[in-house]
Amino acid sequence: MAETGMRLKVNTDTLISASAQVEGKIRKASAAFAQIEETVKGSRTYWDSDGNSQYLKAYNSKKEEINLALNRFKEHIADLRTIAGVYAEAENAATERNNELNTDVII
C-alpha cells in the first residue's frame, strides 16, 4: 500500500458509537421496508388488476437491491467494530509495553 502521508485519528469509543448509531438507522430502515412489503402484499386483497400486478412487479424488482444495500450497510457495522477492536488491542499492547519500561533510567 502506498504511503499517502495522511493519518486518521479516531477514538475507539467514537467507532463503537458510530456503529451503534448506524445499526439503529439500519434497523429502522429494515422495519420500514418490512412494513412496505406487508402493505404491498396486502394490496392484493383489495386491488386485483393489471395495475396491481405492475405495482408488485416494480416493487419486487427493487426489493433485492434494497436487501443487498441493507446487508452491505450491516457489513460496514461489523467492519467498524472490527477496526475498533484492532485499535483497542494495539493501544493496550502499546500501554503494556510502555509500562514494562524502566522508569529509573536517565538518558
PDB file of N, CA and C in Angstrom:
ATOM      1  N   MET A   1       0.844  -1.173   0.000  1.00  0.00           N
ATOM      2  CA  MET A   1       0.000   0.000   0.000  1.00  0.00           C
ATOM      3  C   MET A   1       0.890   1.237   0.000  1.00  0.00           C
ATOM      4  N   ALA A   2       0.557   2.178  -0.813  1.00  0.00           N
ATOM      5  CA  ALA A   2       1.348   3.399  -0.936  1.00  0.00           C
ATOM      6  C   ALA A   2       1.107   4.314   0.257  1.00  0.00           C
ATOM      7  N   GLU A   3       2.154   4.954   0.700  1.00  0.00           N
ATOM      8  CA  GLU A   3       2.059   5.902   1.817  1.00  0.00           C
ATOM      9  C   GLU A   3       1.470   7.200   1.282  1.00  0.00           C
ATOM     10  N   THR A   4       0.399   7.655   1.903  1.00  0.00           N
ATOM     11  CA  THR A   4      -0.262   8.883   1.444  1.00  0.00           C
ATOM     12  C   THR A   4       0.117  10.089   2.280  1.00  0.00           C
ATOM     13  N   GLY A   5       0.719   9.850   3.436  1.00  0.00           N
ATOM     14  CA  GLY A   5       1.067  10.951   4.314  1.00  0.00           C
ATOM     15  C   GLY A   5      -0.115  11.450   5.125  1.00  0.00           C
ATOM     16  N   MET A   6      -1.248  10.813   4.972  1.00  0.00           N
ATOM     17  CA  MET A   6      -2.446  11.216   5.693  1.00  0.00           C
ATOM     18  C   MET A   6      -2.701  10.244   6.837  1.00  0.00           C
ATOM     19  N   ARG A   7      -3.070  10.777   7.986  1.00  0.00           N
ATOM     20  CA  ARG A   7      -3.385   9.952   9.150  1.00  0.00           C
ATOM     21  C   ARG A   7      -4.779  10.297   9.645  1.00  0.00           C
ATOM     22  N   LEU A   8      -5.486   9.274  10.019  1.00  0.00           N
ATOM     23  CA  LEU A   8      -6.796   9.475  10.623  1.00  0.00           C
ATOM     24  C   LEU A   8      -6.667   9.210  12.110  1.00  0.00           C
ATOM     25  N   LYS A   9      -7.179  10.079  12.907  1.00  0.00           N
ATOM     26  CA  LYS A   9      -7.158   9.890  14.349  1.00  0.00           C
ATOM     27  C   LYS A   9      -8.590   9.669  14.802  1.00  0.00           C
ATOM     28  N   VAL A  10      -8.880   8.429  15.189  1.00  0.00           N
ATOM     29  CA  VAL A  10     -10.228   8.071  15.593  1.00  0.00           C
ATOM     30  C   VAL A  10     -10.159   7.355  16.930  1.00  0.00           C
ATOM     31  N   ASN A  11     -10.988   7.774  17.816  1.00  0.00           N
ATOM     32  CA  ASN A  11     -11.109   7.155  19.122  1.00  0.00           C
ATOM     33  C   ASN A  11     -11.947   5.887  18.973  1.00  0.00           C
ATOM     34  N   THR A  12     -11.565   4.802  19.671  1.00  0.00           N
ATOM     35  CA  THR A  12     -12.327   3.556  19.568  1.00  0.00           C
ATOM     36  C   THR A  12     -13.761   3.742  20.049  1.00  0.00           C
ATOM     37  N   ASP A  13     -13.968   4.573  21.044  1.00  0.00           N
ATOM     38  CA  ASP A  13     -15.330   4.837  21.515  1.00  0.00           C
ATOM     39  C   ASP A  13     -16.165   5.499  20.420  1.00  0.00           C
ATOM     40  N   THR A  14     -15.530   6.351  19.633  1.00  0.00           N
ATOM     41  CA  THR A  14     -16.225   7.006  18.527  1.00  0.00           C
ATOM     42  C   THR A  14     -16.646   5.981  17.479  1.00  0.00           C
ATOM     43  N   LEU A  15     -15.759   5.040  17.179  1.00  0.00           N
ATOM     44  CA  LEU A  15     -16.100   3.996  16.214  1.00  0.00           C
ATOM     45  C   LEU A  15     -17.262   3.139  16.706  1.00  0.00           C
ATOM     46  N   ILE A  16     -17.213   2.754  17.954  1.00  0.00           N
ATOM     47  CA  ILE A  16     -18.274   1.917  18.519  1.00  0.00           C
ATOM     48  C   ILE A  16     -19.587   2.689  18.554  1.00  0.00           C
ATOM     49  N   SER A  17     -19.526   3.953  18.941  1.00  0.00           N
ATOM     50  CA  SER A  17     -20.722   4.798  18.973  1.00  0.00           C
ATOM     51  C   SER A  17     -21.306   4.966  17.575  1.00  0.00           C
ATOM     52  N   ALA A  18     -20.448   5.218  16.606  1.00  0.00           N
ATOM     53  CA  ALA A  18     -20.906   5.385  15.224  1.00  0.00           C
ATOM     54  C   ALA A  18     -21.543   4.105  14.704  1.00  0.00           C
ATOM     55  N   SER A  19     -20.941   2.969  15.025  1.00  0.00           N
ATOM     56  CA  SER A  19     -21.507   1.708  14.554  1.00  0.00           C
ATOM     57  C   SER A  19     -22.873   1.456  15.189  1.00  0.00           C
ATOM     58  N   ALA A  20     -23.039   1.832  16.440  1.00  0.00           N
ATOM     59  CA  ALA A  20     -24.336   1.670  17.108  1.00  0.00           C
ATOM     60  C   ALA A  20     -25.396   2.582  16.478  1.00  0.00           C
ATOM     61  N   GLN A  21     -25.001   3.803  16.145  1.00  0.00           N
ATOM     62  CA  GLN A  21     -25.937   4.728  15.507  1.00  0.00           C
ATOM     63  C   GLN A  21     -26.361   4.213  14.135  1.00  0.00           C
ATOM     64  N   VAL A  22     -25.392   3.753  13.379  1.00  0.00           N
ATOM     65  CA  VAL A  22     -25.690   3.222  12.045  1.00  0.00           C
ATOM     66  C   VAL A  22     -26.565   1.977  12.156  1.00  0.00           C
ATOM     67  N   GLU A  23     -26.268   1.144  13.124  1.00  0.00           N
ATOM     68  CA  GLU A  23     -27.059  -0.066  13.318  1.00  0.00           C
ATOM     69  C   GLU A  23     -28.520   0.281  13.627  1.00  0.00           C
ATOM     70  N   GLY A  24     -28.736   1.288  14.443  1.00  0.00           N
ATOM     71  CA  GLY A  24     -30.093   1.729  14.751  1.00  0.00           C
ATOM     72  C   GLY A  24     -30.821   2.235  13.519  1.00  0.00           C
ATOM     73  N   LYS A  25     -30.121   2.984  12.696  1.00  0.00           N
ATOM     74  CA  LYS A  25     -30.738   3.510  11.474  1.00  0.00           C
ATOM     75  C   LYS A  25     -31.054   2.387  10.489  1.00  0.00           C
ATOM     76  N   ILE A  26     -30.172   1.415  10.404  1.00  0.00           N
ATOM     77  CA  ILE A  26     -30.422   0.274   9.525  1.00  0.00           C
ATOM     78  C   ILE A  26     -31.619  -0.519  10.028  1.00  0.00           C
ATOM     79  N   ARG A  27     -31.711  -0.685  11.333  1.00  0.00           N
ATOM     80  CA  ARG A  27     -32.852  -1.396  11.916  1.00  0.00           C
ATOM     81  C   ARG A  27     -34.163  -0.685  11.579  1.00  0.00           C
ATOM     82  N   LYS A  28     -34.158   0.657  11.682  1.00  0.00           N
ATOM     83  CA  LYS A  28     -35.358   1.436  11.351  1.00  0.00           C
ATOM     84  C   LYS A  28     -35.704   1.299   9.865  1.00  0.00           C
ATOM     85  N   ALA A  29     -34.682   1.366   9.011  1.00  0.00           N
ATOM     86  CA  ALA A  29     -34.920   1.234   7.567  1.00  0.00           C
ATOM     87  C   ALA A  29     -35.451  -0.158   7.238  1.00  0.00           C
ATOM     88  N   SER A  30     -34.899  -1.175   7.856  1.00  0.00           N
ATOM     89  CA  SER A  30     -35.373  -2.543   7.634  1.00  0.00           C
ATOM     90  C   SER A  30     -36.827  -2.686   8.065  1.00  0.00           C
ATOM     91  N   ALA A  31     -37.162  -2.111   9.205  1.00  0.00           N
ATOM     92  CA  ALA A  31     -38.546  -2.168   9.691  1.00  0.00           C
ATOM     93  C   ALA A  31     -39.481  -1.427   8.739  1.00  0.00           C
ATOM     94  N   ALA A  32     -39.043  -0.297   8.220  1.00  0.00           N
ATOM     95  CA  ALA A  32     -39.867   0.469   7.283  1.00  0.00           C
ATOM     96  C   ALA A  32     -40.108  -0.331   6.005  1.00  0.00           C
ATOM     97  N   PHE A  33     -39.067  -0.967   5.492  1.00  0.00           N
ATOM     98  CA  PHE A  33     -39.237  -1.763   4.283  1.00  0.00           C
ATOM     99  C   PHE A  33     -40.081  -3.010   4.542  1.00  0.00           C
ATOM    100  N   ALA A  34     -40.003  -3.575   5.722  1.00  0.00           N
ATOM    101  CA  ALA A  34     -40.866  -4.707   6.076  1.00  0.00           C
ATOM    102  C   ALA A  34     -42.321  -4.269   6.081  1.00  0.00           C
ATOM    103  N   GLN A  35     -42.572  -3.066   6.604  1.00  0.00           N
ATOM    104  CA  GLN A  35     -43.936  -2.530   6.611  1.00  0.00           C
ATOM    105  C   GLN A  35     -44.427  -2.273   5.194  1.00  0.00           C
ATOM    106  N   ILE A  36     -43.555  -1.746   4.361  1.00  0.00           N
ATOM    107  CA  ILE A  36     -43.911  -1.506   2.958  1.00  0.00           C
ATOM    108  C   ILE A  36     -44.259  -2.829   2.279  1.00  0.00           C
ATOM    109  N   GLU A  37     -43.452  -3.847   2.548  1.00  0.00           N
ATOM    110  CA  GLU A  37     -43.713  -5.152   1.938  1.00  0.00           C
ATOM    111  C   GLU A  37     -45.067  -5.711   2.380  1.00  0.00           C
ATOM    112  N   GLU A  38     -45.394  -5.560   3.640  1.00  0.00           N
ATOM    113  CA  GLU A  38     -46.700  -6.021   4.126  1.00  0.00           C
ATOM    114  C   GLU A  38     -47.829  -5.267   3.431  1.00  0.00           C
ATOM    115  N   THR A  39     -47.644  -3.976   3.240  1.00  0.00           N
ATOM    116  CA  THR A  39     -48.658  -3.168   2.561  1.00  0.00           C
ATOM    117  C   THR A  39     -48.808  -3.600   1.104  1.00  0.00           C
ATOM    118  N   VAL A  40     -47.670  -3.824   0.447  1.00  0.00           N
ATOM    119  CA  VAL A  40     -47.700  -4.253  -0.948  1.00  0.00           C
ATOM    120  C   VAL A  40     -48.381  -5.613  -1.071  1.00  0.00           C
ATOM    121  N   LYS A  41     -48.014  -6.555  -0.213  1.00  0.00           N
ATOM    122  CA  LYS A  41     -48.641  -7.883  -0.257  1.00  0.00           C
ATOM    123  C   LYS A  41     -50.121  -7.794   0.071  1.00  0.00           C
ATOM    124  N   GLY A  42     -50.485  -6.933   0.995  1.00  0.00           N
ATOM    125  CA  GLY A  42     -51.881  -6.774   1.389  1.00  0.00           C
ATOM    126  C   GLY A  42     -52.738  -6.128   0.322  1.00  0.00           C
ATOM    127  N   SER A  43     -52.095  -5.435  -0.611  1.00  0.00           N
ATOM    128  CA  SER A  43     -52.866  -4.752  -1.654  1.00  0.00           C
ATOM    129  C   SER A  43     -53.592  -5.736  -2.566  1.00  0.00           C
ATOM    130  N   ARG A  44     -53.175  -6.974  -2.579  1.00  0.00           N
ATOM    131  CA  ARG A  44     -53.849  -7.981  -3.415  1.00  0.00           C
ATOM    132  C   ARG A  44     -55.295  -8.216  -2.974  1.00  0.00           C
ATOM    133  N   THR A  45     -55.560  -7.991  -1.698  1.00  0.00           N
ATOM    134  CA  THR A  45     -56.901  -8.273  -1.184  1.00  0.00           C
ATOM    135  C   THR A  45     -57.926  -7.243  -1.638  1.00  0.00           C
ATOM    136  N   TYR A  46     -57.500  -6.034  -1.997  1.00  0.00           N
ATOM    137  CA  TYR A  46     -58.450  -5.006  -2.393  1.00  0.00           C
ATOM    138  C   TYR A  46     -58.171  -4.404  -3.769  1.00  0.00           C
ATOM    139  N   TRP A  47     -57.046  -4.811  -4.381  1.00  0.00           N
ATOM    140  CA  TRP A  47     -56.706  -4.245  -5.688  1.00  0.00           C
ATOM    141  C   TRP A  47     -56.274  -5.382  -6.591  1.00  0.00           C
ATOM    142  N   ASP A  48     -57.193  -5.904  -7.344  1.00  0.00           N
ATOM    143  CA  ASP A  48     -56.929  -7.036  -8.212  1.00  0.00           C
ATOM    144  C   ASP A  48     -57.062  -6.578  -9.656  1.00  0.00           C
ATOM    145  N   SER A  49     -55.923  -6.184 -10.218  1.00  0.00           N
ATOM    146  CA  SER A  49     -55.943  -5.699 -11.603  1.00  0.00           C
ATOM    147  C   SER A  49     -54.547  -5.764 -12.180  1.00  0.00           C
ATOM    148  N   ASP A  50     -54.442  -5.375 -13.444  1.00  0.00           N
ATOM    149  CA  ASP A  50     -53.130  -5.320 -14.094  1.00  0.00           C
ATOM    150  C   ASP A  50     -52.248  -4.263 -13.437  1.00  0.00           C
ATOM    151  N   GLY A  51     -52.876  -3.194 -12.959  1.00  0.00           N
ATOM    152  CA  GLY A  51     -52.120  -2.143 -12.278  1.00  0.00           C
ATOM    153  C   GLY A  51     -51.428  -2.670 -11.036  1.00  0.00           C
ATOM    154  N   ASN A  52     -52.133  -3.490 -10.281  1.00  0.00           N
ATOM    155  CA  ASN A  52     -51.535  -4.088  -9.084  1.00  0.00           C
ATOM    156  C   ASN A  52     -50.405  -5.041  -9.459  1.00  0.00           C
ATOM    157  N   SER A  53     -50.602  -5.794 -10.520  1.00  0.00           N
ATOM    158  CA  SER A  53     -49.556  -6.719 -10.969  1.00  0.00           C
ATOM    159  C   SER A  53     -48.282  -5.957 -11.332  1.00  0.00           C
ATOM    160  N   GLN A  54     -48.453  -4.820 -12.003  1.00  0.00           N
ATOM    161  CA  GLN A  54     -47.298  -3.992 -12.365  1.00  0.00           C
ATOM    162  C   GLN A  54     -46.655  -3.383 -11.126  1.00  0.00           C
ATOM    163  N   TYR A  55     -47.475  -2.975 -10.201  1.00  0.00           N
ATOM    164  CA  TYR A  55     -47.005  -2.410  -8.928  1.00  0.00           C
ATOM    165  C   TYR A  55     -46.173  -3.443  -8.173  1.00  0.00           C
ATOM    166  N   LEU A  56     -46.688  -4.673  -8.081  1.00  0.00           N
ATOM    167  CA  LEU A  56     -45.962  -5.758  -7.397  1.00  0.00           C
ATOM    168  C   LEU A  56     -44.665  -6.096  -8.125  1.00  0.00           C
ATOM    169  N   LYS A  57     -44.732  -6.111  -9.441  1.00  0.00           N
ATOM    170  CA  LYS A  57     -43.534  -6.407 -10.235  1.00  0.00           C
ATOM    171  C   LYS A  57     -42.457  -5.343 -10.020  1.00  0.00           C
ATOM    172  N   ALA A  58     -42.870  -4.084 -10.015  1.00  0.00           N
ATOM    173  CA  ALA A  58     -41.909  -2.988  -9.793  1.00  0.00           C
ATOM    174  C   ALA A  58     -41.302  -3.078  -8.399  1.00  0.00           C
ATOM    175  N   TYR A  59     -42.149  -3.355  -7.405  1.00  0.00           N
ATOM    176  CA  TYR A  59     -41.638  -3.470  -6.031  1.00  0.00           C
ATOM    177  C   TYR A  59     -40.659  -4.638  -5.922  1.00  0.00           C
ATOM    178  N   ASN A  60     -41.039  -5.780  -6.453  1.00  0.00           N
ATOM    179  CA  ASN A  60     -40.176  -6.967  -6.356  1.00  0.00           C
ATOM    180  C   ASN A  60     -38.847  -6.786  -7.081  1.00  0.00           C
ATOM    181  N   SER A  61     -38.841  -5.975  -8.144  1.00  0.00           N
ATOM    182  CA  SER A  61     -37.583  -5.734  -8.857  1.00  0.00           C
ATOM    183  C   SER A  61     -36.615  -4.904  -8.013  1.00  0.00           C
ATOM    184  N   LYS A  62     -37.146  -4.068  -7.136  1.00  0.00           N
ATOM    185  CA  LYS A  62     -36.303  -3.226  -6.273  1.00  0.00           C
ATOM    186  C   LYS A  62     -35.996  -3.879  -4.931  1.00  0.00           C
ATOM    187  N   LYS A  63     -36.800  -4.853  -4.556  1.00  0.00           N
ATOM    188  CA  LYS A  63     -36.657  -5.495  -3.245  1.00  0.00           C
ATOM    189  C   LYS A  63     -35.260  -6.103  -3.061  1.00  0.00           C
ATOM    190  N   GLU A  64     -34.754  -6.775  -4.072  1.00  0.00           N
ATOM    191  CA  GLU A  64     -33.428  -7.394  -3.974  1.00  0.00           C
ATOM    192  C   GLU A  64     -32.335  -6.340  -3.794  1.00  0.00           C
ATOM    193  N   GLU A  65     -32.454  -5.242  -4.525  1.00  0.00           N
ATOM    194  CA  GLU A  65     -31.472  -4.156  -4.398  1.00  0.00           C
ATOM    195  C   GLU A  65     -31.492  -3.563  -2.993  1.00  0.00           C
ATOM    196  N   ILE A  66     -32.687  -3.388  -2.461  1.00  0.00           N
ATOM    197  CA  ILE A  66     -32.827  -2.824  -1.113  1.00  0.00           C
ATOM    198  C   ILE A  66     -32.196  -3.754  -0.080  1.00  0.00           C
ATOM    199  N   ASN A  67     -32.501  -5.039  -0.175  1.00  0.00           N
ATOM    200  CA  ASN A  67     -31.932  -6.014   0.761  1.00  0.00           C
ATOM    201  C   ASN A  67     -30.417  -6.081   0.640  1.00  0.00           C
ATOM    202  N   LEU A  68     -29.913  -6.011  -0.591  1.00  0.00           N
ATOM    203  CA  LEU A  68     -28.464  -6.021  -0.798  1.00  0.00           C
ATOM    204  C   LEU A  68     -27.820  -4.803  -0.147  1.00  0.00           C
ATOM    205  N   ALA A  69     -28.424  -3.632  -0.327  1.00  0.00           N
ATOM    206  CA  ALA A  69     -27.884  -2.406   0.274  1.00  0.00           C
ATOM    207  C   ALA A  69     -27.897  -2.496   1.794  1.00  0.00           C
ATOM    208  N   LEU A  70     -29.003  -2.958   2.367  1.00  0.00           N
ATOM    209  CA  LEU A  70     -29.081  -3.081   3.829  1.00  0.00           C
ATOM    210  C   LEU A  70     -28.039  -4.067   4.355  1.00  0.00           C
ATOM    211  N   ASN A  71     -27.835  -5.169   3.649  1.00  0.00           N
ATOM    212  CA  ASN A  71     -26.820  -6.138   4.077  1.00  0.00           C
ATOM    213  C   ASN A  71     -25.414  -5.561   3.991  1.00  0.00           C
ATOM    214  N   ARG A  72     -25.165  -4.747   2.980  1.00  0.00           N
ATOM    215  CA  ARG A  72     -23.840  -4.109   2.881  1.00  0.00           C
ATOM    216  C   ARG A  72     -23.628  -3.111   4.009  1.00  0.00           C
ATOM    217  N   PHE A  73     -24.681  -2.388   4.360  1.00  0.00           N
ATOM    218  CA  PHE A  73     -24.572  -1.472   5.492  1.00  0.00           C
ATOM    219  C   PHE A  73     -24.269  -2.245   6.776  1.00  0.00           C
ATOM    220  N   LYS A  74     -24.883  -3.399   6.934  1.00  0.00           N
ATOM    221  CA  LYS A  74     -24.623  -4.237   8.113  1.00  0.00           C
ATOM    222  C   LYS A  74     -23.158  -4.692   8.139  1.00  0.00           C
ATOM    223  N   GLU A  75     -22.606  -4.961   6.957  1.00  0.00           N
ATOM    224  CA  GLU A  75     -21.184  -5.320   6.882  1.00  0.00           C
ATOM    225  C   GLU A  75     -20.310  -4.164   7.360  1.00  0.00           C
ATOM    226  N   HIS A  76     -20.707  -2.940   7.041  1.00  0.00           N
ATOM    227  CA  HIS A  76     -19.942  -1.767   7.482  1.00  0.00           C
ATOM    228  C   HIS A  76     -19.932  -1.673   9.005  1.00  0.00           C
ATOM    229  N   ILE A  77     -21.034  -2.020   9.625  1.00  0.00           N
ATOM    230  CA  ILE A  77     -21.100  -2.018  11.089  1.00  0.00           C
ATOM    231  C   ILE A  77     -20.088  -3.012  11.643  1.00  0.00           C
ATOM    232  N   ALA A  78     -20.078  -4.209  11.075  1.00  0.00           N
ATOM    233  CA  ALA A  78     -19.129  -5.230  11.527  1.00  0.00           C
ATOM    234  C   ALA A  78     -17.691  -4.753  11.314  1.00  0.00           C
ATOM    235  N   ASP A  79     -17.454  -4.090  10.184  1.00  0.00           N
ATOM    236  CA  ASP A  79     -16.110  -3.571   9.909  1.00  0.00           C
ATOM    237  C   ASP A  79     -15.701  -2.514  10.923  1.00  0.00           C
ATOM    238  N   LEU A  80     -16.610  -1.599  11.240  1.00  0.00           N
ATOM    239  CA  LEU A  80     -16.297  -0.562  12.233  1.00  0.00           C
ATOM    240  C   LEU A  80     -15.952  -1.180  13.583  1.00  0.00           C
ATOM    241  N   ARG A  81     -16.714  -2.182  13.976  1.00  0.00           N
ATOM    242  CA  ARG A  81     -16.453  -2.837  15.260  1.00  0.00           C
ATOM    243  C   ARG A  81     -15.142  -3.613  15.232  1.00  0.00           C
ATOM    244  N   THR A  82     -14.816  -4.225  14.104  1.00  0.00           N
ATOM    245  CA  THR A  82     -13.534  -4.923  13.980  1.00  0.00           C
ATOM    246  C   THR A  82     -12.383  -3.940  14.072  1.00  0.00           C
ATOM    247  N   ILE A  83     -12.512  -2.820  13.375  1.00  0.00           N
ATOM    248  CA  ILE A  83     -11.473  -1.787  13.415  1.00  0.00           C
ATOM    249  C   ILE A  83     -11.299  -1.277  14.839  1.00  0.00           C
ATOM    250  N   ALA A  84     -12.408  -1.036  15.524  1.00  0.00           N
ATOM    251  CA  ALA A  84     -12.337  -0.561  16.911  1.00  0.00           C
ATOM    252  C   ALA A  84     -11.622  -1.585  17.782  1.00  0.00           C
ATOM    253  N   GLY A  85     -11.891  -2.865  17.563  1.00  0.00           N
ATOM    254  CA  GLY A  85     -11.219  -3.918  18.325  1.00  0.00           C
ATOM    255  C   GLY A  85      -9.732  -3.955  18.064  1.00  0.00           C
ATOM    256  N   VAL A  86      -9.341  -3.802  16.811  1.00  0.00           N
ATOM    257  CA  VAL A  86      -7.915  -3.794  16.451  1.00  0.00           C
ATOM    258  C   VAL A  86      -7.224  -2.600  17.095  1.00  0.00           C
ATOM    259  N   TYR A  87      -7.864  -1.427  17.016  1.00  0.00           N
ATOM    260  CA  TYR A  87      -7.288  -0.235  17.646  1.00  0.00           C
ATOM    261  C   TYR A  87      -7.135  -0.424  19.149  1.00  0.00           C
ATOM    262  N   ALA A  88      -8.155  -0.978  19.791  1.00  0.00           N
ATOM    263  CA  ALA A  88      -8.113  -1.174  21.242  1.00  0.00           C
ATOM    264  C   ALA A  88      -7.000  -2.152  21.616  1.00  0.00           C
ATOM    265  N   GLU A  89      -6.861  -3.229  20.856  1.00  0.00           N
ATOM    266  CA  GLU A  89      -5.796  -4.196  21.123  1.00  0.00           C
ATOM    267  C   GLU A  89      -4.413  -3.562  20.957  1.00  0.00           C
ATOM    268  N   ALA A  90      -4.243  -2.789  19.899  1.00  0.00           N
ATOM    269  CA  ALA A  90      -2.955  -2.136  19.657  1.00  0.00           C
ATOM    270  C   ALA A  90      -2.650  -1.124  20.756  1.00  0.00           C
ATOM    271  N   GLU A  91      -3.658  -0.393  21.178  1.00  0.00           N
ATOM    272  CA  GLU A  91      -3.465   0.592  22.246  1.00  0.00           C
ATOM    273  C   GLU A  91      -3.103  -0.098  23.562  1.00  0.00           C
ATOM    274  N   ASN A  92      -3.781  -1.190  23.868  1.00  0.00           N
ATOM    275  CA  ASN A  92      -3.478  -1.945  25.090  1.00  0.00           C
ATOM    276  C   ASN A  92      -2.075  -2.537  25.051  1.00  0.00           C
ATOM    277  N   ALA A  93      -1.690  -3.062  23.891  1.00  0.00           N
ATOM    278  CA  ALA A  93      -0.350  -3.634  23.752  1.00  0.00           C
ATOM    279  C   ALA A  93       0.719  -2.559  23.919  1.00  0.00           C
ATOM    280  N   ALA A  94       0.483  -1.397  23.331  1.00  0.00           N
ATOM    281  CA  ALA A  94       1.445  -0.302  23.461  1.00  0.00           C
ATOM    282  C   ALA A  94       1.538   0.172  24.907  1.00  0.00           C
ATOM    283  N   THR A  95       0.412   0.237  25.593  1.00  0.00           N
ATOM    284  CA  THR A  95       0.405   0.654  27.001  1.00  0.00           C
ATOM    285  C   THR A  95       1.149  -0.352  27.862  1.00  0.00           C
ATOM    286  N   GLU A  96       0.913  -1.646  27.608  1.00  0.00           N
ATOM    287  CA  GLU A  96       1.616  -2.679  28.373  1.00  0.00           C
ATOM    288  C   GLU A  96       3.125  -2.595  28.149  1.00  0.00           C
ATOM    289  N   ARG A  97       3.540  -2.428  26.892  1.00  0.00           N
ATOM    290  CA  ARG A  97       4.972  -2.315  26.595  1.00  0.00           C
ATOM    291  C   ARG A  97       5.554  -1.071  27.258  1.00  0.00           C
ATOM    292  N   ASN A  98       4.827  -0.007  27.247  1.00  0.00           N
ATOM    293  CA  ASN A  98       5.286   1.231  27.853  1.00  0.00           C
ATOM    294  C   ASN A  98       5.435   1.062  29.368  1.00  0.00           C
ATOM    295  N   ASN A  99       4.516   0.336  29.984  1.00  0.00           N
ATOM    296  CA  ASN A  99       4.580   0.110  31.424  1.00  0.00           C
ATOM    297  C   ASN A  99       5.737  -0.801  31.825  1.00  0.00           C
ATOM    298  N   GLU A 100       6.218  -1.609  30.884  1.00  0.00           N
ATOM    299  CA  GLU A 100       7.330  -2.516  31.153  1.00  0.00           C
ATOM    300  C   GLU A 100       8.684  -1.789  31.165  1.00  0.00           C
ATOM    301  N   LEU A 101       8.722  -0.595  30.598  1.00  0.00           N
ATOM    302  CA  LEU A 101       9.980   0.143  30.525  1.00  0.00           C
ATOM    303  C   LEU A 101      10.414   0.592  31.919  1.00  0.00           C
ATOM    304  N   ASN A 102      11.720   0.591  32.107  1.00  0.00           N
ATOM    305  CA  ASN A 102      12.269   1.062  33.382  1.00  0.00           C
ATOM    306  C   ASN A 102      12.009   2.566  33.517  1.00  0.00           C
ATOM    307  N   THR A 103      11.595   2.947  34.691  1.00  0.00           N
ATOM    308  CA  THR A 103      11.329   4.377  34.924  1.00  0.00           C
ATOM    309  C   THR A 103      12.482   5.087  35.617  1.00  0.00           C
ATOM    310  N   ASP A 104      13.502   4.312  35.998  1.00  0.00           N
ATOM    311  CA  ASP A 104      14.616   4.928  36.726  1.00  0.00           C
ATOM    312  C   ASP A 104      15.839   5.137  35.841  1.00  0.00           C
ATOM    313  N   VAL A 105      15.647   5.132  34.529  1.00  0.00           N
ATOM    314  CA  VAL A 105      16.771   5.314  33.606  1.00  0.00           C
ATOM    315  C   VAL A 105      16.757   6.751  33.107  1.00  0.00           C
ATOM    316  N   ILE A 106      17.933   7.390  33.171  1.00  0.00           N
ATOM    317  CA  ILE A 106      18.072   8.755  32.675  1.00  0.00           C
ATOM    318  C   ILE A 106      18.958   8.711  31.436  1.00  0.00           C
ATOM    319  N   ILE A 107      18.489   9.315  30.400  1.00  0.00           N
ATOM    320  CA  ILE A 107      19.258   9.283  29.133  1.00  0.00           C
ATOM    321  C   ILE A 107      19.801  10.661  28.874  1.00  0.00           C
TER     322      ILE A 107
END
